[in-house]
Amino acid sequence: MNGNPAPRKPGRGWTRATLFALVLVALGQLLEESDGHYSPAATYWLLLVSALGLLGLLVPPLAALEQLGPKTPVAVLLAGLVLQFTQLLTHPPGMYLRPTSGWLAFLASAGAAAVLAGSLAFAGPGWARVGTALLAVCFVAAGLWVLRASPRPAIDVFIFQQQASDALLHGRNPYSLTFPNIYGHTQFYGPEITDGRTLFFGFPYPPLSLAFAALGFVTTGDHRSAQLIALVLAAACLLSLRPDRLGALAAATLLFTPRGLFVLEQGWTEPFGVALLGLVLVAAARAPRLLWLALGALFAWKQYTVVLLPLTVLLLPRPFGWKSWARLVVPALLATLALTLPLALWDVRNFWRSVVWLQTVQPFRADALSFPSAVLALGYTPPPIVPTLLVLTALATALVLWQAPRTSQGFAVAVTVVLGVFFAFNKQSFCNYWFMVLGAAAFAVVASFDSSRDPRPGPAEEHGPNQAVPSE
């Protein structure tokens, strides 16, 4: 053998990375436009995001993008960051911020982050790590400012997590609680579960989500501090997957997406989900023996992660084998049960009512950021929500299993597409749900698309041993 490698054929990973960089930026603009609620303009952004996601899944490799390598997604993210920081510095980062004289501290944190993000566009691996660490410090400073400026946001999920964390720490079952209905009506919940004053259900999320929130509550008195740390962890996962300027810019885009601090202010749980998805991909790339545990935690975090179960096929090489899939999925599901059953068995009836039954009786929300809401706003009756949702989610799952490669990037792409379809046609779909899709899109930009770099490489038909992986 001579020392000269054979010529490498272009793959399609950089084409996908570029298109999902556009998805990532466009999702940020969707949430900036709407705060996660229906509006005619938000529907146009949702259509654009949907089109970009389908293109990212289906479009054949574009030779020009493959030859440019990371330069094109880097340019997309850099342009997006210019827009995002402009919006962040000119638009209040939260909804319930108290009048305060401390705006200078927030503006200083965001301004310093903008300068650091710009420097990352020209960073080598060393500065990518250092610059991202400094960027995370700026994000923590900005996030802590938001938590102080909005200590009690008028939203139900803040009350759920605060009161359930307190109950758990004092030995009371969080699934046996009732909560005050801070909205004073039945529009958001339906008459089956509230009389307008009291919500007749306990903590509405699985136990792992509560455990994370309780960590924040016990350390700072505010469960949202745990969600702040989760976002920093997600950024660290992005950089771990690609420790160069692309990974650093993806981390910056996630942390400083225009409504990211709004998500933090409201206390939604999705930062935990984004971090757990990152841990799944890092485990696949760095510690495959722990992949089952990371998947088990992701499945245990929230109810809708059940739709991700079939996508685990993409973390295995071709050809598909039931035994190899079972060796991954069965331990993962056992981990999910181990993380869930201790609290579930404490009060099975109220656990079922709060975590499962509640999801089935929640009403359709006309203000949801979804296509059924858009159809209703046009004066038409949307098709039956549940059958339509099940059919379209199944079709999306089949499509990604057919088209997405058996790589880390393929899994992240599949999560983005399937969750996007699931939320776009759901009866309730708001900022927090789309933030989870945004986080998955960030990982689709940086996750490995080269089979030879995955812990369990697939055959040459996916990318081939000669696939070019341009370095920076």
Protein backbone atom coordinates (compact mmCIF):
# COMPACT_ATOMS: atom_id res chain seq x y z
CA MET A 1 0.00 0.00 0.00
CA ASN A 2 1.21 3.51 -0.73
CA GLY A 3 0.67 6.45 1.60
CA ASN A 4 -1.76 8.26 -0.69
CA PRO A 5 -5.45 7.76 0.15
CA ALA A 6 -7.83 6.91 -2.63
CA PRO A 7 -9.93 9.78 -3.99
CA ARG A 8 -13.00 10.27 -1.85
CA LYS A 9 -16.49 10.60 -3.15
CA PRO A 10 -18.74 13.32 -1.78
CA GLY A 11 -21.51 12.18 0.52
CA ARG A 12 -24.61 14.11 1.49
CA GLY A 13 -23.86 14.97 5.10
CA TRP A 14 -22.90 18.57 4.47
CA THR A 15 -26.02 19.10 2.37
CA ARG A 16 -28.11 17.90 5.31
CA ALA A 17 -26.06 19.91 7.79
CA THR A 18 -26.64 23.07 5.76
CA LEU A 19 -30.37 22.52 5.41
CA PHE A 20 -30.80 21.72 9.10
CA ALA A 21 -28.77 24.80 9.98
CA LEU A 22 -31.47 26.68 8.06
CA VAL A 23 -34.13 24.74 10.01
CA LEU A 24 -32.44 25.73 13.27
CA VAL A 25 -32.36 29.42 12.40
CA ALA A 26 -35.88 29.39 10.94
CA LEU A 27 -37.29 27.73 14.07
CA GLY A 28 -35.77 30.51 16.14
CA GLN A 29 -37.56 33.05 13.96
CA LEU A 30 -40.80 31.09 14.17
CA LEU A 31 -40.75 31.34 17.96
CA GLU A 32 -39.60 34.95 17.89
CA GLU A 33 -42.55 35.80 15.67
CA SER A 34 -45.18 33.99 17.70
CA ASP A 35 -43.95 33.11 21.22
CA GLY A 36 -45.20 29.68 20.24
CA HIS A 37 -48.83 30.63 19.48
CA TYR A 38 -50.85 30.69 16.29
CA SER A 39 -50.67 33.71 14.05
CA PRO A 40 -50.89 34.00 10.25
CA ALA A 41 -47.20 35.01 10.07
CA ALA A 42 -46.22 32.09 12.31
CA THR A 43 -48.01 29.71 9.95
CA TYR A 44 -45.84 30.89 7.07
CA TRP A 45 -42.73 30.30 9.18
CA LEU A 46 -44.07 26.85 10.09
CA LEU A 47 -44.53 26.04 6.41
CA LEU A 48 -40.98 27.17 5.70
CA VAL A 49 -39.58 25.06 8.53
CA SER A 50 -41.56 22.04 7.30
CA ALA A 51 -40.29 22.48 3.74
CA LEU A 52 -36.67 22.85 4.88
CA GLY A 53 -36.94 19.77 7.09
CA LEU A 54 -38.33 17.63 4.25
CA LEU A 55 -35.63 18.92 1.90
CA GLY A 56 -32.99 18.10 4.48
CA LEU A 57 -34.33 14.55 4.65
CA LEU A 58 -35.02 13.93 0.97
CA VAL A 59 -32.82 16.15 -1.21
CA PRO A 60 -29.96 14.38 -3.01
CA PRO A 61 -26.43 15.50 -2.21
CA LEU A 62 -25.47 18.79 -3.79
CA ALA A 63 -21.88 18.54 -5.00
CA ALA A 64 -21.12 22.20 -4.36
CA LEU A 65 -22.23 21.98 -0.72
CA GLU A 66 -20.37 18.73 -0.16
CA GLN A 67 -17.16 20.21 -1.56
CA LEU A 68 -17.47 23.33 0.59
CA GLY A 69 -17.76 21.13 3.66
CA PRO A 70 -18.53 22.97 6.90
CA LYS A 71 -18.18 26.42 5.34
CA THR A 72 -21.84 26.62 4.28
CA PRO A 73 -23.49 25.60 7.58
CA VAL A 74 -21.00 27.87 9.37
CA ALA A 75 -22.13 30.78 7.16
CA VAL A 76 -25.80 29.98 7.80
CA LEU A 77 -25.33 29.86 11.57
CA LEU A 78 -23.24 33.02 11.60
CA ALA A 79 -25.91 34.93 9.66
CA GLY A 80 -28.53 33.53 12.02
CA LEU A 81 -26.57 34.64 15.05
CA VAL A 82 -26.34 38.20 13.72
CA LEU A 83 -30.12 38.25 13.45
CA GLN A 84 -30.66 36.52 16.80
CA PHE A 85 -28.45 38.84 18.81
CA THR A 86 -30.04 41.87 17.17
CA GLN A 87 -33.44 40.60 18.31
CA LEU A 88 -32.20 39.59 21.75
CA LEU A 89 -30.72 43.03 22.39
CA THR A 90 -33.83 44.88 21.22
CA HIS A 91 -36.67 42.66 22.50
CA PRO A 92 -37.41 41.76 26.14
CA PRO A 93 -36.17 38.21 26.76
CA GLY A 94 -39.18 37.29 28.92
CA MET A 95 -42.88 37.97 29.34
CA TYR A 96 -43.19 38.66 33.07
CA LEU A 97 -40.07 40.70 33.75
CA ARG A 98 -40.41 43.12 36.66
CA PRO A 99 -39.45 46.77 36.18
CA THR A 100 -35.83 46.84 37.19
CA SER A 101 -32.78 49.05 36.93
CA GLY A 102 -30.59 46.06 36.16
CA TRP A 103 -31.01 45.95 32.39
CA LEU A 104 -27.41 47.00 31.93
CA ALA A 105 -26.23 43.68 33.39
CA PHE A 106 -28.36 41.73 30.93
CA LEU A 107 -27.30 43.84 27.97
CA ALA A 108 -23.65 43.45 28.96
CA SER A 109 -23.99 39.66 29.12
CA ALA A 110 -25.78 39.46 25.79
CA GLY A 111 -23.42 41.93 24.15
CA ALA A 112 -20.34 40.05 25.32
CA ALA A 113 -21.91 36.83 24.02
CA ALA A 114 -22.47 38.46 20.63
CA VAL A 115 -18.80 39.41 20.38
CA LEU A 116 -17.70 35.93 21.44
CA ALA A 117 -20.08 34.27 18.96
CA GLY A 118 -18.63 36.39 16.17
CA SER A 119 -15.10 35.35 17.11
CA LEU A 120 -16.08 31.68 16.95
CA ALA A 121 -16.65 31.95 13.20
CA PHE A 122 -12.88 32.08 12.75
CA ALA A 123 -11.93 29.77 15.61
CA GLY A 124 -9.63 26.81 15.59
CA PRO A 125 -10.37 23.87 17.90
CA GLY A 126 -8.63 25.51 20.87
CA TRP A 127 -10.57 28.76 20.76
CA ALA A 128 -13.75 26.89 19.89
CA ARG A 129 -13.58 25.22 23.31
CA VAL A 130 -12.49 28.28 25.25
CA GLY A 131 -14.85 30.63 23.41
CA THR A 132 -17.82 28.31 23.93
CA ALA A 133 -17.02 28.04 27.63
CA LEU A 134 -16.97 31.84 27.90
CA LEU A 135 -20.18 31.99 25.88
CA ALA A 136 -21.78 29.60 28.36
CA VAL A 137 -20.72 31.89 31.21
CA CYS A 138 -22.45 34.80 29.45
CA PHE A 139 -25.55 32.65 28.98
CA VAL A 140 -25.63 31.67 32.65
CA ALA A 141 -25.29 35.33 33.63
CA ALA A 142 -28.14 36.31 31.30
CA GLY A 143 -30.25 33.37 32.48
CA LEU A 144 -29.76 34.17 36.16
CA TRP A 145 -30.73 37.76 35.42
CA VAL A 146 -33.98 36.53 33.82
CA LEU A 147 -34.74 34.29 36.81
CA ARG A 148 -34.26 37.20 39.21
CA ALA A 149 -36.24 39.63 37.04
CA SER A 150 -39.12 37.16 36.66
CA PRO A 151 -39.25 35.23 39.95
CA ARG A 152 -42.87 34.06 39.64
CA PRO A 153 -44.06 33.84 36.04
CA ALA A 154 -47.84 33.54 35.70
CA ILE A 155 -47.82 30.13 34.05
CA ASP A 156 -49.10 26.80 35.31
CA VAL A 157 -45.94 24.76 34.67
CA PHE A 158 -43.97 26.96 37.06
CA ILE A 159 -46.47 26.19 39.83
CA PHE A 160 -46.57 22.48 38.96
CA GLN A 161 -42.81 22.07 39.25
CA GLN A 162 -42.31 24.30 42.28
CA GLN A 163 -45.10 22.73 44.35
CA ALA A 164 -44.37 19.17 43.23
CA SER A 165 -40.66 19.60 44.04
CA ASP A 166 -41.54 20.91 47.49
CA ALA A 167 -43.96 18.02 48.05
CA LEU A 168 -41.39 15.42 47.01
CA LEU A 169 -38.74 16.88 49.29
CA HIS A 170 -41.19 16.79 52.21
CA GLY A 171 -42.23 13.17 51.63
CA ARG A 172 -45.59 13.87 49.99
CA ASN A 173 -46.66 12.21 46.76
CA PRO A 174 -46.49 14.81 43.94
CA TYR A 175 -49.03 12.83 41.90
CA SER A 176 -51.62 13.08 44.66
CA LEU A 177 -51.59 16.89 44.67
CA THR A 178 -54.11 19.32 43.26
CA PHE A 179 -53.09 22.73 41.95
CA PRO A 180 -54.74 26.14 41.80
CA ASN A 181 -56.13 27.10 38.42
CA ILE A 182 -54.37 30.44 37.99
CA TYR A 183 -56.31 31.18 34.81
CA GLY A 184 -59.74 31.01 36.44
CA HIS A 185 -61.50 29.26 33.54
CA THR A 186 -61.79 25.83 31.89
CA GLN A 187 -60.64 26.81 28.40
CA PHE A 188 -57.10 25.47 28.76
CA TYR A 189 -57.98 22.26 30.60
CA GLY A 190 -61.57 21.28 29.95
CA PRO A 191 -64.41 20.82 32.43
CA GLU A 192 -63.41 17.23 33.27
CA ILE A 193 -60.34 18.34 35.20
CA THR A 194 -61.11 21.75 36.67
CA ASP A 195 -63.97 23.70 38.15
CA GLY A 196 -62.26 26.97 37.32
CA ARG A 197 -60.55 27.24 40.70
CA THR A 198 -58.75 23.92 41.24
CA LEU A 199 -56.97 21.52 38.89
CA PHE A 200 -57.88 17.96 39.80
CA PHE A 201 -54.65 16.27 38.85
CA GLY A 202 -51.15 15.95 40.27
CA PHE A 203 -47.75 16.54 38.70
CA PRO A 204 -48.38 16.08 34.96
CA TYR A 205 -44.94 14.83 33.85
CA PRO A 206 -42.99 11.61 34.49
CA PRO A 207 -40.82 11.26 37.60
CA LEU A 208 -37.47 11.91 35.91
CA SER A 209 -38.60 15.36 34.85
CA LEU A 210 -39.60 16.04 38.46
CA ALA A 211 -36.26 14.74 39.74
CA PHE A 212 -34.41 17.23 37.56
CA ALA A 213 -36.69 20.08 38.62
CA ALA A 214 -36.31 19.12 42.28
CA LEU A 215 -32.53 19.39 41.97
CA GLY A 216 -32.91 23.00 40.94
CA PHE A 217 -35.50 23.64 43.63
CA VAL A 218 -33.43 22.19 46.47
CA THR A 219 -30.26 24.07 45.48
CA THR A 220 -31.67 27.52 44.67
CA GLY A 221 -35.37 27.47 45.57
CA ASP A 222 -36.21 27.78 41.86
CA HIS A 223 -36.54 24.67 39.69
CA ARG A 224 -35.58 26.71 36.62
CA SER A 225 -31.94 26.80 37.70
CA ALA A 226 -31.77 23.11 36.75
CA GLN A 227 -33.15 23.95 33.30
CA LEU A 228 -30.49 26.64 32.94
CA ILE A 229 -27.78 24.06 33.64
CA ALA A 230 -29.46 21.62 31.25
CA LEU A 231 -29.09 24.11 28.41
CA VAL A 232 -25.40 24.56 29.19
CA LEU A 233 -25.05 20.75 29.16
CA ALA A 234 -26.77 20.62 25.77
CA ALA A 235 -24.28 23.19 24.44
CA ALA A 236 -21.41 21.11 25.82
CA CYS A 237 -22.80 18.06 24.00
CA LEU A 238 -22.89 19.99 20.74
CA LEU A 239 -19.24 20.97 21.14
CA SER A 240 -18.29 17.43 22.18
CA LEU A 241 -19.80 16.04 18.99
CA ARG A 242 -17.93 18.55 16.86
CA PRO A 243 -15.17 20.39 18.76
CA ASP A 244 -14.58 23.06 16.14
CA ARG A 245 -16.16 26.30 14.96
CA LEU A 246 -19.26 24.51 13.61
CA GLY A 247 -19.97 22.90 16.97
CA ALA A 248 -19.27 26.17 18.75
CA LEU A 249 -21.60 28.15 16.49
CA ALA A 250 -24.34 25.53 16.84
CA ALA A 251 -24.00 25.83 20.63
CA ALA A 252 -24.20 29.62 20.39
CA THR A 253 -27.27 29.41 18.15
CA LEU A 254 -29.03 27.12 20.60
CA LEU A 255 -28.17 29.10 23.73
CA PHE A 256 -29.04 32.47 22.24
CA THR A 257 -31.99 31.56 20.06
CA PRO A 258 -34.30 34.60 20.37
CA ARG A 259 -36.87 32.99 22.69
CA GLY A 260 -34.54 30.62 24.52
CA LEU A 261 -34.48 32.81 27.63
CA PHE A 262 -38.27 33.06 27.36
CA VAL A 263 -38.41 29.24 27.52
CA LEU A 264 -36.22 29.44 30.63
CA GLU A 265 -38.38 32.15 32.21
CA GLN A 266 -41.56 30.13 31.73
CA GLY A 267 -40.00 27.08 33.37
CA TRP A 268 -40.83 24.59 30.62
CA THR A 269 -39.21 21.15 30.84
CA GLU A 270 -37.85 20.93 27.29
CA PRO A 271 -34.30 22.05 28.20
CA PHE A 272 -34.03 18.68 29.98
CA GLY A 273 -35.10 16.90 26.82
CA VAL A 274 -32.59 18.74 24.63
CA ALA A 275 -29.79 17.87 27.07
CA LEU A 276 -30.86 14.21 27.21
CA LEU A 277 -30.91 14.01 23.42
CA GLY A 278 -27.40 15.41 23.44
CA LEU A 279 -26.31 12.75 25.93
CA VAL A 280 -27.76 10.03 23.67
CA LEU A 281 -25.70 11.27 20.72
CA VAL A 282 -22.55 11.74 22.80
CA ALA A 283 -22.97 8.22 24.19
CA ALA A 284 -23.36 6.86 20.65
CA ALA A 285 -20.15 8.60 19.60
CA ARG A 286 -18.00 8.35 22.74
CA ALA A 287 -19.40 5.68 25.07
CA PRO A 288 -21.61 3.20 23.16
CA ARG A 289 -21.83 0.90 26.17
CA LEU A 290 -23.84 3.62 27.92
CA LEU A 291 -26.15 4.30 24.99
CA TRP A 292 -28.93 2.17 26.48
CA LEU A 293 -28.88 4.22 29.68
CA ALA A 294 -28.98 7.55 27.84
CA LEU A 295 -31.89 6.32 25.73
CA GLY A 296 -33.69 5.05 28.82
CA ALA A 297 -33.41 8.47 30.43
CA LEU A 298 -34.67 10.20 27.28
CA PHE A 299 -37.70 7.90 27.12
CA ALA A 300 -38.38 8.40 30.84
CA TRP A 301 -38.30 12.20 30.62
CA LYS A 302 -41.65 13.00 28.97
CA GLN A 303 -44.69 11.27 27.54
CA TYR A 304 -44.23 12.12 23.87
CA THR A 305 -40.78 10.52 23.66
CA VAL A 306 -42.57 7.23 22.98
CA VAL A 307 -42.68 8.27 19.31
CA LEU A 308 -38.86 8.20 19.25
CA LEU A 309 -38.64 4.48 20.07
CA PRO A 310 -38.71 3.23 16.44
CA LEU A 311 -36.02 5.77 15.50
CA THR A 312 -33.45 3.91 17.58
CA VAL A 313 -33.04 1.65 14.55
CA LEU A 314 -30.93 4.45 13.07
CA LEU A 315 -28.37 4.02 15.85
CA LEU A 316 -27.67 0.48 14.61
CA PRO A 317 -25.78 -0.60 11.48
CA ARG A 318 -27.32 -2.29 8.49
CA PRO A 319 -28.62 -4.88 7.98
CA PHE A 320 -31.36 -4.57 10.57
CA GLY A 321 -31.55 -7.40 13.06
CA TRP A 322 -34.18 -7.85 15.72
CA LYS A 323 -31.62 -9.26 18.15
CA SER A 324 -29.27 -6.30 17.88
CA TRP A 325 -32.19 -3.89 18.21
CA ALA A 326 -33.47 -5.76 21.26
CA ARG A 327 -30.00 -5.64 22.86
CA LEU A 328 -30.22 -1.86 22.68
CA VAL A 329 -33.90 -1.23 23.33
CA VAL A 330 -34.75 -3.75 26.05
CA PRO A 331 -32.13 -2.42 28.52
CA ALA A 332 -33.20 1.12 27.61
CA LEU A 333 -36.83 0.35 28.41
CA LEU A 334 -35.82 -1.37 31.64
CA ALA A 335 -33.92 1.79 32.57
CA THR A 336 -37.06 3.80 31.77
CA LEU A 337 -39.10 1.60 34.08
CA ALA A 338 -36.49 1.84 36.84
CA LEU A 339 -36.62 5.65 36.61
CA THR A 340 -40.42 5.72 36.59
CA LEU A 341 -41.88 2.92 38.71
CA PRO A 342 -40.79 4.00 42.22
CA LEU A 343 -42.98 7.09 42.14
CA ALA A 344 -45.61 5.55 39.86
CA LEU A 345 -46.23 2.67 42.28
CA TRP A 346 -46.57 5.07 45.20
CA ASP A 347 -50.06 5.98 43.97
CA VAL A 348 -50.86 4.16 40.74
CA ARG A 349 -54.31 5.67 40.30
CA ASN A 350 -53.25 9.28 40.62
CA PHE A 351 -50.08 8.69 38.61
CA TRP A 352 -52.16 7.31 35.74
CA ARG A 353 -54.63 10.17 36.03
CA SER A 354 -51.94 12.85 36.04
CA VAL A 355 -49.45 11.48 33.52
CA VAL A 356 -51.58 9.47 31.06
CA TRP A 357 -55.31 10.17 31.35
CA LEU A 358 -54.81 13.93 31.49
CA GLN A 359 -53.19 13.90 28.05
CA THR A 360 -56.24 12.20 26.53
CA VAL A 361 -58.81 14.71 27.81
CA GLN A 362 -56.98 17.98 27.24
CA PRO A 363 -58.94 20.07 24.74
CA PHE A 364 -57.88 21.25 21.31
CA ARG A 365 -56.32 24.70 21.58
CA ALA A 366 -57.17 27.09 18.75
CA ASP A 367 -54.16 29.22 19.72
CA ALA A 368 -51.72 26.34 19.25
CA LEU A 369 -48.84 26.71 16.82
CA SER A 370 -50.12 23.98 14.53
CA PHE A 371 -51.69 23.38 11.16
CA PRO A 372 -55.12 22.42 12.62
CA SER A 373 -55.23 25.87 14.27
CA ALA A 374 -54.39 27.47 10.93
CA VAL A 375 -57.17 25.52 9.21
CA LEU A 376 -59.64 26.62 11.89
CA ALA A 377 -58.53 30.25 11.55
CA LEU A 378 -59.31 30.08 7.82
CA GLY A 379 -62.90 29.15 8.66
CA TYR A 380 -62.68 25.41 8.00
CA THR A 381 -63.11 22.47 10.33
CA PRO A 382 -59.80 20.65 10.80
CA PRO A 383 -59.83 16.88 10.30
CA PRO A 384 -60.10 14.68 13.42
CA ILE A 385 -56.98 15.46 15.41
CA VAL A 386 -56.04 12.08 16.90
CA PRO A 387 -56.48 9.87 13.80
CA THR A 388 -54.73 12.45 11.62
CA LEU A 389 -51.90 12.78 14.11
CA LEU A 390 -51.38 9.02 14.38
CA VAL A 391 -51.38 8.48 10.62
CA LEU A 392 -49.03 11.36 9.82
CA THR A 393 -46.62 10.49 12.63
CA ALA A 394 -46.52 6.88 11.41
CA LEU A 395 -45.87 8.06 7.84
CA ALA A 396 -43.13 10.41 9.02
CA THR A 397 -41.54 7.58 10.99
CA ALA A 398 -41.61 5.27 7.96
CA LEU A 399 -40.15 8.02 5.78
CA VAL A 400 -37.20 8.76 8.06
CA LEU A 401 -36.44 5.07 8.55
CA TRP A 402 -36.34 4.76 4.76
CA GLN A 403 -34.37 7.92 4.00
CA ALA A 404 -32.22 8.79 7.01
CA PRO A 405 -28.76 7.22 7.20
CA ARG A 406 -27.74 4.84 9.98
CA THR A 407 -25.59 7.47 11.67
CA SER A 408 -25.79 9.90 14.54
CA GLN A 409 -26.82 12.62 12.09
CA GLY A 410 -29.54 10.34 10.74
CA PHE A 411 -30.96 9.85 14.23
CA ALA A 412 -30.93 13.59 14.98
CA VAL A 413 -32.54 14.34 11.62
CA ALA A 414 -35.21 11.73 12.29
CA VAL A 415 -35.98 13.15 15.74
CA THR A 416 -36.31 16.63 14.24
CA VAL A 417 -38.66 15.51 11.47
CA VAL A 418 -40.85 13.13 13.49
CA LEU A 419 -41.29 15.48 16.43
CA GLY A 420 -41.93 18.33 14.00
CA VAL A 421 -44.77 16.40 12.37
CA PHE A 422 -46.08 15.24 15.74
CA PHE A 423 -46.32 18.80 17.05
CA ALA A 424 -47.46 20.43 13.81
CA PHE A 425 -50.66 18.37 13.81
CA ASN A 426 -51.26 18.04 17.55
CA LYS A 427 -54.14 19.51 19.55
CA GLN A 428 -51.72 21.43 21.77
CA SER A 429 -48.44 22.74 20.39
CA PHE A 430 -46.63 25.70 21.91
CA CYS A 431 -43.20 27.28 22.31
CA ASN A 432 -41.77 24.57 24.54
CA TYR A 433 -42.56 21.76 22.10
CA TRP A 434 -40.97 23.60 19.21
CA PHE A 435 -37.95 24.40 21.33
CA MET A 436 -37.36 20.64 21.57
CA VAL A 437 -37.47 20.43 17.77
CA LEU A 438 -35.06 23.36 17.60
CA GLY A 439 -32.64 21.54 19.89
CA ALA A 440 -32.86 18.39 17.77
CA ALA A 441 -32.12 20.46 14.65
CA ALA A 442 -28.97 21.83 16.31
CA PHE A 443 -27.74 18.27 16.83
CA ALA A 444 -28.61 17.36 13.24
CA VAL A 445 -26.12 20.04 12.15
CA VAL A 446 -23.16 18.70 14.16
CA ALA A 447 -23.77 14.97 14.61
CA SER A 448 -21.50 12.62 12.68
CA PHE A 449 -22.69 11.58 9.25
CA ASP A 450 -19.68 9.42 8.49
CA SER A 451 -20.36 5.76 9.22
CA SER A 452 -16.66 5.12 9.70
CA ARG A 453 -16.63 7.51 12.66
CA ASP A 454 -19.59 5.91 14.45
CA PRO A 455 -18.93 3.31 17.16
CA ARG A 456 -20.74 0.63 15.17
CA PRO A 457 -20.07 1.46 11.51
CA GLY A 458 -22.56 0.58 8.85
CA PRO A 459 -21.88 -0.74 5.35
CA ALA A 460 -20.49 1.17 2.43
CA GLU A 461 -23.94 1.70 0.95
CA GLU A 462 -24.68 4.41 3.50
CA HIS A 463 -21.60 6.60 3.10
CA GLY A 464 -18.85 4.25 2.08
CA PRO A 465 -15.34 4.00 3.41
CA ASN A 466 -14.23 6.68 1.01
CA GLN A 467 -16.66 9.38 2.09
CA ALA A 468 -15.04 12.75 2.36
CA VAL A 469 -15.17 14.33 5.77
CA PRO A 470 -13.70 17.79 5.27
CA SER A 471 -11.86 19.06 8.29
CA GLU A 472 -11.38 22.61 9.39
